[in-house]
Structures are given as structure tokens and as C-alpha cells.
PDB file of N, CA and C in Angstrom:
ATOM      1  N   MET A   1     122.052  87.687 118.822  1.00  0.00           N
ATOM      2  CA  MET A   1     120.985  89.677 119.395  1.00  0.00           C
ATOM      3  C   MET A   1     121.156  90.870 118.038  1.00  0.00           C
ATOM      4  N   VAL A   2     120.067  91.190 119.015  1.00  0.00           N
ATOM      5  CA  VAL A   2     119.295  92.476 117.496  1.00  0.00           C
ATOM      6  C   VAL A   2     119.093  93.717 118.968  1.00  0.00           C
ATOM      7  N   GLY A   3     120.189  94.539 118.537  1.00  0.00           N
ATOM      8  CA  GLY A   3     119.228  95.281 119.985  1.00  0.00           C
ATOM      9  C   GLY A   3     120.311  96.650 119.976  1.00  0.00           C
ATOM     10  N   GLY A   4     120.190  97.918 120.348  1.00  0.00           N
ATOM     11  CA  GLY A   4     121.157  98.743 119.938  1.00  0.00           C
ATOM     12  C   GLY A   4     121.731  99.687 119.077  1.00  0.00           C
ATOM     13  N   ALA A   5     122.375 100.988 119.408  1.00  0.00           N
ATOM     14  CA  ALA A   5     122.497 101.403 118.391  1.00  0.00           C
ATOM     15  C   ALA A   5     123.962 101.344 118.527  1.00  0.00           C
ATOM     16  N   VAL A   6     124.821 102.186 117.208  1.00  0.00           N
ATOM     17  CA  VAL A   6     126.646 102.578 117.760  1.00  0.00           C
ATOM     18  C   VAL A   6     126.911 103.343 116.522  1.00  0.00           C
ATOM     19  N   GLY A   7     127.879 103.984 116.881  1.00  0.00           N
ATOM     20  CA  GLY A   7     127.872 105.129 115.804  1.00  0.00           C
ATOM     21  C   GLY A   7     127.177 106.581 115.628  1.00  0.00           C
ATOM     22  N   GLU A   8     127.233 107.150 114.014  1.00  0.00           N
ATOM     23  CA  GLU A   8     127.040 108.468 113.957  1.00  0.00           C
ATOM     24  C   GLU A   8     127.106 108.167 112.612  1.00  0.00           C
ATOM     25  N   PRO A   9     126.043 108.625 111.469  1.00  0.00           N
ATOM     26  CA  PRO A   9     124.585 108.227 112.302  1.00  0.00           C
ATOM     27  C   PRO A   9     124.323 107.041 112.871  1.00  0.00           C
ATOM     28  N   PRO A  10     123.306 107.138 113.882  1.00  0.00           N
ATOM     29  CA  PRO A  10     123.807 105.122 114.668  1.00  0.00           C
ATOM     30  C   PRO A  10     123.581 104.558 113.236  1.00  0.00           C
ATOM     31  N   ARG A  11     124.062 102.863 113.658  1.00  0.00           N
ATOM     32  CA  ARG A  11     123.360 102.252 112.974  1.00  0.00           C
ATOM     33  C   ARG A  11     123.295 100.580 113.629  1.00  0.00           C
ATOM     34  N   LEU A  12     122.259 100.286 113.577  1.00  0.00           N
ATOM     35  CA  LEU A  12     121.625  98.425 114.236  1.00  0.00           C
ATOM     36  C   LEU A  12     122.792  97.887 114.257  1.00  0.00           C
ATOM     37  N   VAL A  13     122.467  97.406 115.567  1.00  0.00           N
ATOM     38  CA  VAL A  13     123.872  96.211 116.206  1.00  0.00           C
ATOM     39  C   VAL A  13     123.393  94.754 116.341  1.00  0.00           C
ATOM     40  N   VAL A  14     123.881  94.055 115.264  1.00  0.00           N
ATOM     41  CA  VAL A  14     122.832  92.404 114.914  1.00  0.00           C
ATOM     42  C   VAL A  14     124.377  91.758 115.304  1.00  0.00           C
ATOM     43  N   ALA A  15     124.507  90.741 116.694  1.00  0.00           N
ATOM     44  CA  ALA A  15     125.332  89.529 117.092  1.00  0.00           C
ATOM     45  C   ALA A  15     125.107  88.566 116.985  1.00  0.00           C
ATOM     46  N   VAL A  16     125.955  88.023 115.862  1.00  0.00           N
ATOM     47  CA  VAL A  16     126.032  86.862 116.302  1.00  0.00           C
ATOM     48  C   VAL A  16     126.870  85.937 116.694  1.00  0.00           C
ATOM     49  N   GLN A  17     127.035  84.187 116.510  1.00  0.00           N
ATOM     50  CA  GLN A  17     127.796  83.566 117.143  1.00  0.00           C
ATOM     51  C   GLN A  17     128.289  82.606 116.380  1.00  0.00           C
ATOM     52  N   ALA A  18     128.071  82.437 114.910  1.00  0.00           N
ATOM     53  CA  ALA A  18     128.418  81.950 113.736  1.00  0.00           C
ATOM     54  C   ALA A  18     129.796  82.716 113.247  1.00  0.00           C
ATOM     55  N   PRO A  19     130.414  81.175 112.643  1.00  0.00           N
ATOM     56  CA  PRO A  19     131.573  81.490 112.179  1.00  0.00           C
ATOM     57  C   PRO A  19     131.560  82.180 110.585  1.00  0.00           C
ATOM     58  N   ALA A  20     132.371  83.422 110.371  1.00  0.00           N
ATOM     59  CA  ALA A  20     132.669  84.318 108.695  1.00  0.00           C
ATOM     60  C   ALA A  20     133.439  83.451 107.994  1.00  0.00           C
ATOM     61  N   VAL A  21     132.591  82.012 107.910  1.00  0.00           N
ATOM     62  CA  VAL A  21     132.779  80.951 106.884  1.00  0.00           C
ATOM     63  C   VAL A  21     132.031  80.557 106.118  1.00  0.00           C
ATOM     64  N   ASP A  22     132.480  80.829 105.076  1.00  0.00           N
ATOM     65  CA  ASP A  22     131.307  80.222 103.701  1.00  0.00           C
ATOM     66  C   ASP A  22     129.756  80.949 103.834  1.00  0.00           C
ATOM     67  N   GLY A  23     129.774  82.342 103.746  1.00  0.00           N
ATOM     68  CA  GLY A  23     128.904  82.566 104.313  1.00  0.00           C
ATOM     69  C   GLY A  23     127.629  82.697 105.591  1.00  0.00           C
ATOM     70  N   LYS A  24     128.799  82.012 106.456  1.00  0.00           N
ATOM     71  CA  LYS A  24     127.683  81.655 107.339  1.00  0.00           C
ATOM     72  C   LYS A  24     127.078  82.849 108.440  1.00  0.00           C
ATOM     73  N   ALA A  25     128.130  83.808 108.601  1.00  0.00           N
ATOM     74  CA  ALA A  25     127.872  85.042 109.593  1.00  0.00           C
ATOM     75  C   ALA A  25     126.338  85.681 108.921  1.00  0.00           C
ATOM     76  N   ASN A  26     127.200  85.927 107.432  1.00  0.00           N
ATOM     77  CA  ASN A  26     125.948  86.620 107.076  1.00  0.00           C
ATOM     78  C   ASN A  26     124.510  85.870 106.486  1.00  0.00           C
ATOM     79  N   GLN A  27     124.382  84.800 106.222  1.00  0.00           N
ATOM     80  CA  GLN A  27     123.038  83.737 106.920  1.00  0.00           C
ATOM     81  C   GLN A  27     122.300  84.435 108.299  1.00  0.00           C
ATOM     82  N   ALA A  28     123.110  83.951 109.188  1.00  0.00           N
ATOM     83  CA  ALA A  28     122.640  84.414 110.945  1.00  0.00           C
ATOM     84  C   ALA A  28     122.680  85.543 111.132  1.00  0.00           C
ATOM     85  N   VAL A  29     123.201  86.780 110.666  1.00  0.00           N
ATOM     86  CA  VAL A  29     122.649  87.843 110.383  1.00  0.00           C
ATOM     87  C   VAL A  29     121.338  88.123 109.845  1.00  0.00           C
ATOM     88  N   ILE A  30     121.095  87.626 108.801  1.00  0.00           N
ATOM     89  CA  ILE A  30     120.201  87.821 108.161  1.00  0.00           C
ATOM     90  C   ILE A  30     118.434  86.846 109.365  1.00  0.00           C
ATOM     91  N   LYS A  31     119.234  85.899 109.465  1.00  0.00           N
ATOM     92  CA  LYS A  31     117.722  85.322 110.400  1.00  0.00           C
ATOM     93  C   LYS A  31     117.833  86.113 111.261  1.00  0.00           C
ATOM     94  N   GLN A  32     118.557  86.808 112.371  1.00  0.00           N
ATOM     95  CA  GLN A  32     118.096  87.875 113.597  1.00  0.00           C
ATOM     96  C   GLN A  32     116.800  88.771 112.676  1.00  0.00           C
ATOM     97  N   LEU A  33     117.814  89.119 111.586  1.00  0.00           N
ATOM     98  CA  LEU A  33     116.856  90.558 111.179  1.00  0.00           C
ATOM     99  C   LEU A  33     115.177  90.151 110.755  1.00  0.00           C
ATOM    100  N   ALA A  34     115.302  88.692 110.143  1.00  0.00           N
ATOM    101  CA  ALA A  34     113.889  88.293 109.773  1.00  0.00           C
ATOM    102  C   ALA A  34     112.773  88.278 111.176  1.00  0.00           C
ATOM    103  N   ASP A  35     113.759  87.524 112.113  1.00  0.00           N
ATOM    104  CA  ASP A  35     112.896  87.343 113.449  1.00  0.00           C
ATOM    105  C   ASP A  35     112.761  88.049 114.095  1.00  0.00           C
ATOM    106  N   ALA A  36     113.294  89.199 114.334  1.00  0.00           N
ATOM    107  CA  ALA A  36     113.770  90.919 115.203  1.00  0.00           C
ATOM    108  C   ALA A  36     112.457  91.850 114.004  1.00  0.00           C
ATOM    109  N   PHE A  37     112.656  91.595 113.047  1.00  0.00           N
ATOM    110  CA  PHE A  37     111.231  91.662 111.840  1.00  0.00           C
ATOM    111  C   PHE A  37     110.055  91.251 111.672  1.00  0.00           C
ATOM    112  N   SER A  38     109.969  90.115 112.253  1.00  0.00           N
ATOM    113  CA  SER A  38     108.960  89.512 111.661  1.00  0.00           C
ATOM    114  C   SER A  38     108.313  89.543 109.601  1.00  0.00           C
ATOM    115  N   LEU A  39     109.776  88.881 109.416  1.00  0.00           N
ATOM    116  CA  LEU A  39     109.646  88.968 108.010  1.00  0.00           C
ATOM    117  C   LEU A  39     110.274  87.640 107.611  1.00  0.00           C
ATOM    118  N   ARG A  40     110.513  87.280 106.312  1.00  0.00           N
ATOM    119  CA  ARG A  40     111.082  86.262 105.670  1.00  0.00           C
ATOM    120  C   ARG A  40     112.704  86.612 105.265  1.00  0.00           C
ATOM    121  N   ALA A  41     113.195  86.343 105.374  1.00  0.00           N
ATOM    122  CA  ALA A  41     115.169  85.697 105.056  1.00  0.00           C
ATOM    123  C   ALA A  41     115.282  86.308 103.652  1.00  0.00           C
ATOM    124  N   ARG A  42     114.313  85.596 103.318  1.00  0.00           N
ATOM    125  CA  ARG A  42     114.691  85.817 101.166  1.00  0.00           C
ATOM    126  C   ARG A  42     114.193  87.269 101.312  1.00  0.00           C
ATOM    127  N   ASP A  43     113.194  88.955 102.053  1.00  0.00           N
ATOM    128  CA  ASP A  43     113.149  89.575 102.089  1.00  0.00           C
ATOM    129  C   ASP A  43     114.200  90.943 102.360  1.00  0.00           C
ATOM    130  N   PHE A  44     115.522  89.855 102.928  1.00  0.00           N
ATOM    131  CA  PHE A  44     116.608  90.800 103.087  1.00  0.00           C
ATOM    132  C   PHE A  44     117.680  90.788 102.556  1.00  0.00           C
ATOM    133  N   SER A  45     118.220  91.591 101.744  1.00  0.00           N
ATOM    134  CA  SER A  45     120.046  91.788 100.971  1.00  0.00           C
ATOM    135  C   SER A  45     120.686  92.543 101.582  1.00  0.00           C
ATOM    136  N   ILE A  46     122.278  91.975 101.334  1.00  0.00           N
ATOM    137  CA  ILE A  46     122.883  92.118 101.859  1.00  0.00           C
ATOM    138  C   ILE A  46     123.581  92.924 100.632  1.00  0.00           C
ATOM    139  N   VAL A  47     123.854  94.498 100.293  1.00  0.00           N
ATOM    140  CA  VAL A  47     124.404  95.015  99.039  1.00  0.00           C
ATOM    141  C   VAL A  47     125.351  95.778  99.570  1.00  0.00           C
ATOM    142  N   PHE A  48     126.337  95.593 101.133  1.00  0.00           N
ATOM    143  CA  PHE A  48     127.076  96.189 100.478  1.00  0.00           C
ATOM    144  C   PHE A  48     128.265  95.321 102.229  1.00  0.00           C
ATOM    145  N   GLY A  49     129.273  94.929 102.327  1.00  0.00           N
ATOM    146  CA  GLY A  49     130.112  94.682 103.145  1.00  0.00           C
ATOM    147  C   GLY A  49     129.407  93.178 103.190  1.00  0.00           C
ATOM    148  N   GLU A  50     129.021  92.564 102.763  1.00  0.00           N
ATOM    149  CA  GLU A  50     129.936  90.945 102.918  1.00  0.00           C
ATOM    150  C   GLU A  50     130.976  90.320 102.922  1.00  0.00           C
ATOM    151  N   LEU A  51     131.498  90.485 103.102  1.00  0.00           N
ATOM    152  CA  LEU A  51     133.265  90.217 103.655  1.00  0.00           C
ATOM    153  C   LEU A  51     133.782  90.896 104.207  1.00  0.00           C
ATOM    154  N   GLY A  52     132.572  91.911 105.385  1.00  0.00           N
ATOM    155  CA  GLY A  52     133.018  92.876 105.967  1.00  0.00           C
ATOM    156  C   GLY A  52     132.460  92.996 107.332  1.00  0.00           C
ATOM    157  N   ARG A  53     132.491  93.424 108.517  1.00  0.00           N
ATOM    158  CA  ARG A  53     131.886  94.236 109.986  1.00  0.00           C
ATOM    159  C   ARG A  53     130.715  94.607 109.396  1.00  0.00           C
ATOM    160  N   ASP A  54     131.056  95.821 108.749  1.00  0.00           N
ATOM    161  CA  ASP A  54     129.846  96.445 108.443  1.00  0.00           C
ATOM    162  C   ASP A  54     129.005  96.109 107.790  1.00  0.00           C
ATOM    163  N   LYS A  55     127.387  95.960 107.178  1.00  0.00           N
ATOM    164  CA  LYS A  55     126.601  95.650 106.389  1.00  0.00           C
ATOM    165  C   LYS A  55     125.888  96.638 106.372  1.00  0.00           C
ATOM    166  N   ARG A  56     125.313  96.666 105.145  1.00  0.00           N
ATOM    167  CA  ARG A  56     124.394  97.902 104.380  1.00  0.00           C
ATOM    168  C   ARG A  56     123.560  96.444 103.943  1.00  0.00           C
ATOM    169  N   ILE A  57     121.948  96.191 104.894  1.00  0.00           N
ATOM    170  CA  ILE A  57     121.288  95.354 104.080  1.00  0.00           C
ATOM    171  C   ILE A  57     119.919  96.434 104.080  1.00  0.00           C
ATOM    172  N   VAL A  58     119.083  95.811 102.884  1.00  0.00           N
ATOM    173  CA  VAL A  58     118.146  96.410 102.426  1.00  0.00           C
ATOM    174  C   VAL A  58     117.070  95.380 102.589  1.00  0.00           C
ATOM    175  N   ILE A  59     115.650  95.898 102.643  1.00  0.00           N
ATOM    176  CA  ILE A  59     114.624  95.290 102.963  1.00  0.00           C
ATOM    177  C   ILE A  59     113.776  95.346 102.082  1.00  0.00           C
ATOM    178  N   ASN A  60     113.583  93.943 100.813  1.00  0.00           N
ATOM    179  CA  ASN A  60     113.086  94.178  99.846  1.00  0.00           C
ATOM    180  C   ASN A  60     111.188  94.025  99.671  1.00  0.00           C
ATOM    181  N   GLY A  61     110.294  94.717  98.622  1.00  0.00           N
ATOM    182  CA  GLY A  61     109.263  94.189  98.600  1.00  0.00           C
ATOM    183  C   GLY A  61     108.194  94.550  99.350  1.00  0.00           C
ATOM    184  N   GLN A  62     108.672  95.962 100.132  1.00  0.00           N
ATOM    185  CA  GLN A  62     107.738  96.408 101.434  1.00  0.00           C
ATOM    186  C   GLN A  62     106.357  97.367 101.026  1.00  0.00           C
ATOM    187  N   SER A  63     105.402  97.910 101.036  1.00  0.00           N
ATOM    188  CA  SER A  63     104.583  98.317 100.438  1.00  0.00           C
ATOM    189  C   SER A  63     104.713  99.637 101.254  1.00  0.00           C
ATOM    190  N   PRO A  64     104.136 100.994 101.205  1.00  0.00           N
ATOM    191  CA  PRO A  64     104.780 102.056 101.713  1.00  0.00           C
ATOM    192  C   PRO A  64     104.386 101.814 103.211  1.00  0.00           C
ATOM    193  N   GLU A  65     102.835 101.431 103.671  1.00  0.00           N
ATOM    194  CA  GLU A  65     102.234 101.703 104.491  1.00  0.00           C
ATOM    195  C   GLU A  65     103.098 100.719 105.695  1.00  0.00           C
ATOM    196  N   ASN A  66     103.963  99.520 105.043  1.00  0.00           N
ATOM    197  CA  ASN A  66     104.876  98.571 105.783  1.00  0.00           C
ATOM    198  C   ASN A  66     105.838  99.213 106.238  1.00  0.00           C
ATOM    199  N   LYS A  67     106.288 100.149 105.321  1.00  0.00           N
ATOM    200  CA  LYS A  67     107.850 100.483 105.785  1.00  0.00           C
ATOM    201  C   LYS A  67     108.175 101.713 106.789  1.00  0.00           C
ATOM    202  N   LYS A  68     106.628 102.153 107.061  1.00  0.00           N
ATOM    203  CA  LYS A  68     106.883 102.792 108.537  1.00  0.00           C
ATOM    204  C   LYS A  68     106.673 102.320 109.446  1.00  0.00           C
ATOM    205  N   THR A  69     106.239 100.850 109.202  1.00  0.00           N
ATOM    206  CA  THR A  69     105.967  99.553 111.111  1.00  0.00           C
ATOM    207  C   THR A  69     107.564  99.874 110.912  1.00  0.00           C
ATOM    208  N   LEU A  70     108.357  99.212 109.995  1.00  0.00           N
ATOM    209  CA  LEU A  70     109.210  98.528 109.532  1.00  0.00           C
ATOM    210  C   LEU A  70     110.066  99.664 110.284  1.00  0.00           C
ATOM    211  N   GLN A  71     110.557 101.058 109.674  1.00  0.00           N
ATOM    212  CA  GLN A  71     110.962 101.784 110.491  1.00  0.00           C
ATOM    213  C   GLN A  71     110.884 102.596 111.602  1.00  0.00           C
ATOM    214  N   VAL A  72     109.253 102.387 112.380  1.00  0.00           N
ATOM    215  CA  VAL A  72     109.429 102.537 113.682  1.00  0.00           C
ATOM    216  C   VAL A  72     109.944 101.356 114.579  1.00  0.00           C
ATOM    217  N   LYS A  73     109.728 100.055 114.237  1.00  0.00           N
ATOM    218  CA  LYS A  73     110.233  98.845 114.711  1.00  0.00           C
ATOM    219  C   LYS A  73     112.124  99.203 114.287  1.00  0.00           C
ATOM    220  N   LEU A  74     112.718  99.451 113.622  1.00  0.00           N
ATOM    221  CA  LEU A  74     114.055  99.687 114.003  1.00  0.00           C
ATOM    222  C   LEU A  74     114.388 100.826 114.695  1.00  0.00           C
ATOM    223  N   GLU A  75     113.436 101.662 114.932  1.00  0.00           N
ATOM    224  CA  GLU A  75     113.800 102.990 116.026  1.00  0.00           C
ATOM    225  C   GLU A  75     113.759 101.992 116.919  1.00  0.00           C
ATOM    226  N   GLU A  76     112.761 101.081 117.178  1.00  0.00           N
ATOM    227  CA  GLU A  76     112.363 100.854 118.742  1.00  0.00           C
ATOM    228  C   GLU A  76     113.860  99.890 119.173  1.00  0.00           C
ATOM    229  N   LEU A  77     114.272  99.241 118.275  1.00  0.00           N
ATOM    230  CA  LEU A  77     115.214  98.474 118.173  1.00  0.00           C
ATOM    231  C   LEU A  77     116.744  98.414 118.493  1.00  0.00           C
ATOM    232  N   MET A  78     116.712  99.931 117.798  1.00  0.00           N
ATOM    233  CA  MET A  78     117.933 100.791 118.210  1.00  0.00           C
ATOM    234  C   MET A  78     117.917 101.379 119.684  1.00  0.00           C
ATOM    235  N   GLY A  79     116.814 102.058 120.121  1.00  0.00           N
ATOM    236  CA  GLY A  79     116.751 102.600 121.082  1.00  0.00           C
ATOM    237  C   GLY A  79     116.888 104.107 121.380  1.00  0.00           C
ATOM    238  N   VAL A  80     116.156 104.674 119.878  1.00  0.00           N
ATOM    239  CA  VAL A  80     116.653 105.387 119.724  1.00  0.00           C
ATOM    240  C   VAL A  80     115.094 106.365 119.419  1.00  0.00           C
ATOM    241  N   ALA A  81     115.086 108.040 119.539  1.00  0.00           N
ATOM    242  CA  ALA A  81     113.335 108.401 119.875  1.00  0.00           C
ATOM    243  C   ALA A  81     112.679 108.517 118.367  1.00  0.00           C
ATOM    244  N   PRO A  82     111.488 107.810 117.826  1.00  0.00           N
ATOM    245  CA  PRO A  82     110.448 107.887 117.182  1.00  0.00           C
ATOM    246  C   PRO A  82     110.813 109.059 115.653  1.00  0.00           C
ATOM    247  N   THR A  83     111.016 108.949 114.757  1.00  0.00           N
ATOM    248  CA  THR A  83     110.969 110.301 113.975  1.00  0.00           C
ATOM    249  C   THR A  83     109.545 110.776 113.541  1.00  0.00           C
ATOM    250  N   LEU A  84     109.008 111.527 113.875  1.00  0.00           N
ATOM    251  CA  LEU A  84     107.834 111.733 112.756  1.00  0.00           C
ATOM    252  C   LEU A  84     107.674 111.771 111.572  1.00  0.00           C
ATOM    253  N   MET A  85     106.796 110.958 111.163  1.00  0.00           N
ATOM    254  CA  MET A  85     106.677 110.740 109.826  1.00  0.00           C
ATOM    255  C   MET A  85     105.550 111.428 109.163  1.00  0.00           C
TER     256      MET A  85
END
């Protein structure tokens, strides 16, 4: 499940059922994000939090135009008001 926000500043909620063993939960998080954003799993990298519940994930290799589209999708998934670009 991908959707909703927690914390301040708000962070996207991604819930998986995969066990946190041998990177399976991280793989499940990446797959769910890829599906939610209609991108390939290899476009995502975990840059912080591989061993924890809170993660920082980047989307690699996106054009400036696509970054704007991804920002709108992120805000939609989080349920927050869109920012002006």
C-alpha cells in the first residue's frame, strides 16, 4: 500500500508485508513505489535507512519535466495540497 502521509515535514507512507530479512522488505518497498509512480524499480535507490523503518529514496535519471509530474503524483499519494511550481 502506498498512500497517506505522516510526520512533519510529511513523509509518504509505504506499507509492505515482506519480512525485513535479506532485503526483501526493501525490495517490496521499491516495487510498490515503482508501481505507484509508473516507473521501473531500477529507477529508485535507497540512500538512507536500508536497515530501518524510515528511508530516504531517490528517483534517478528523470528529466526536469518528468520531475514536475512526479512531484504532483507524490503530493497526490500523500494527500497534500499541490505546491505551485
